[in-house]
């Protein structure tokens, strides 16, 4: 049987064994015997997490099961993509890659470390 957490108004948190069928039912406080509702406890590192980090963690978990694929049609209708990325403003066939006199590649308006997205 699993252990569930409950909270008594007078004596605070306690846990007890209960069947899964009885998990939603209130349990008796071991001290005062009053019925106490079940509570769901979060680990402290999750409860006190920065909201931006929590949103990133949730987005990461969602993308694990629902990956977003980049397609030409999706990029054409995705306003967020076109605002944050320079690839939506490129003319077809025009490369932003230049070569210097000594043969090195130069990316004047691109991130040279960014291979693709």
Protein backbone atom coordinates (compact mmCIF):
# COMPACT_ATOMS: atom_id res chain seq x y z
CA UNK A 1 0.00 0.00 0.00
CA UNK A 2 1.24 3.51 -0.77
CA UNK A 3 1.92 6.17 1.83
CA UNK A 4 -0.18 9.35 1.49
CA UNK A 5 0.24 12.75 3.16
CA UNK A 6 -2.57 14.40 5.11
CA UNK A 7 -2.85 17.68 7.00
CA UNK A 8 -4.66 18.10 10.29
CA UNK A 9 -5.82 21.65 11.10
CA UNK A 10 -4.49 21.40 14.64
CA UNK A 11 -1.47 19.09 14.41
CA UNK A 12 -0.13 19.66 10.90
CA UNK A 13 1.22 17.11 8.47
CA UNK A 14 1.17 13.36 8.92
CA UNK A 15 1.31 10.38 6.60
CA UNK A 16 -0.36 7.04 6.65
CA UNK A 17 -0.75 3.88 4.61
CA UNK A 18 -3.94 3.63 2.58
CA UNK A 19 -5.23 1.63 -0.33
CA UNK A 20 -5.47 3.37 -3.68
CA UNK A 21 -9.26 3.22 -3.41
CA UNK A 22 -9.13 5.13 -0.11
CA UNK A 23 -6.53 7.68 -1.25
CA UNK A 24 -9.08 10.45 -1.91
CA UNK A 25 -10.88 9.90 1.41
CA UNK A 26 -9.86 11.88 4.51
CA UNK A 27 -7.79 10.06 7.14
CA UNK A 28 -7.88 10.23 10.93
CA UNK A 29 -5.22 12.35 12.59
CA UNK A 30 -3.17 10.02 14.82
CA UNK A 31 -3.23 12.58 17.66
CA UNK A 32 -6.77 14.00 17.79
CA UNK A 33 -8.62 11.47 15.58
CA UNK A 34 -10.27 14.22 13.50
CA UNK A 35 -10.68 13.63 9.77
CA UNK A 36 -7.98 15.37 7.75
CA UNK A 37 -7.85 15.94 3.98
CA UNK A 38 -5.11 14.53 1.80
CA UNK A 39 -2.46 16.96 0.56
CA UNK A 40 0.02 16.58 -2.27
CA UNK A 41 3.50 17.58 -1.21
CA UNK A 42 6.11 18.93 -3.62
CA UNK A 43 9.84 18.56 -3.10
CA UNK A 44 11.36 21.81 -1.86
CA UNK A 45 13.54 22.25 -4.96
CA UNK A 46 10.40 22.27 -7.14
CA UNK A 47 8.23 24.39 -4.84
CA UNK A 48 10.85 27.16 -4.61
CA UNK A 49 11.97 26.98 -8.24
CA UNK A 50 12.30 30.16 -10.29
CA UNK A 51 9.19 30.48 -12.54
CA UNK A 52 11.31 30.90 -15.68
CA UNK A 53 13.24 27.73 -14.89
CA UNK A 54 10.01 25.86 -14.14
CA UNK A 55 8.58 26.97 -17.51
CA UNK A 56 11.75 25.80 -19.25
CA UNK A 57 11.57 22.42 -17.49
CA UNK A 58 7.91 22.02 -18.49
CA UNK A 59 8.66 22.99 -22.09
CA UNK A 60 11.53 20.51 -22.15
CA UNK A 61 9.30 17.72 -20.86
CA UNK A 62 6.58 18.53 -23.41
CA UNK A 63 9.04 18.56 -26.30
CA UNK A 64 10.24 15.14 -25.27
CA UNK A 65 6.85 13.67 -26.18
CA UNK A 66 5.56 16.27 -28.65
CA UNK A 67 8.53 17.37 -30.76
CA UNK A 68 8.04 20.39 -33.00
CA UNK A 69 9.32 19.84 -36.51
CA UNK A 70 10.55 22.75 -38.58
CA UNK A 71 9.00 22.82 -42.05
CA UNK A 72 8.81 25.57 -44.66
CA UNK A 73 5.04 25.81 -44.21
CA UNK A 74 5.32 26.04 -40.43
CA UNK A 75 8.00 28.75 -40.66
CA UNK A 76 5.90 30.74 -43.14
CA UNK A 77 2.99 30.92 -40.67
CA UNK A 78 5.00 31.15 -37.44
CA UNK A 79 5.26 34.81 -36.40
CA UNK A 80 7.56 34.06 -33.45
CA UNK A 81 10.03 32.34 -35.75
CA UNK A 82 10.14 35.17 -38.26
CA UNK A 83 10.66 37.80 -35.54
CA UNK A 84 13.44 36.03 -33.71
CA UNK A 85 15.31 34.57 -36.63
CA UNK A 86 16.91 36.14 -39.66
CA UNK A 87 16.16 33.22 -41.96
CA UNK A 88 12.59 34.40 -42.65
CA UNK A 89 13.88 37.57 -44.29
CA UNK A 90 16.32 35.95 -46.70
CA UNK A 91 15.63 36.00 -50.40
CA UNK A 92 15.77 32.57 -52.01
CA UNK A 93 19.12 31.85 -53.59
CA UNK A 94 20.97 34.65 -51.81
CA UNK A 95 23.61 33.40 -49.43
CA UNK A 96 24.80 35.41 -46.45
CA UNK A 97 28.15 33.63 -46.52
CA UNK A 98 31.18 35.58 -47.72
CA UNK A 99 34.79 34.60 -48.21
CA UNK A 100 37.65 36.86 -47.21
CA UNK A 101 40.71 37.45 -49.42
CA UNK A 102 42.63 34.69 -47.65
CA UNK A 103 39.78 32.18 -48.18
CA UNK A 104 38.24 32.19 -44.70
CA UNK A 105 34.48 32.13 -44.34
CA UNK A 106 32.77 35.23 -42.98
CA UNK A 107 29.21 35.47 -41.64
CA UNK A 108 28.48 39.21 -41.35
CA UNK A 109 24.90 38.94 -40.15
CA UNK A 110 24.71 35.32 -39.02
CA UNK A 111 25.83 33.43 -35.99
CA UNK A 112 28.82 31.42 -37.25
CA UNK A 113 28.36 28.77 -34.56
CA UNK A 114 24.74 28.15 -35.59
CA UNK A 115 24.66 25.31 -38.07
CA UNK A 116 20.90 24.96 -38.35
CA UNK A 117 17.72 25.31 -36.33
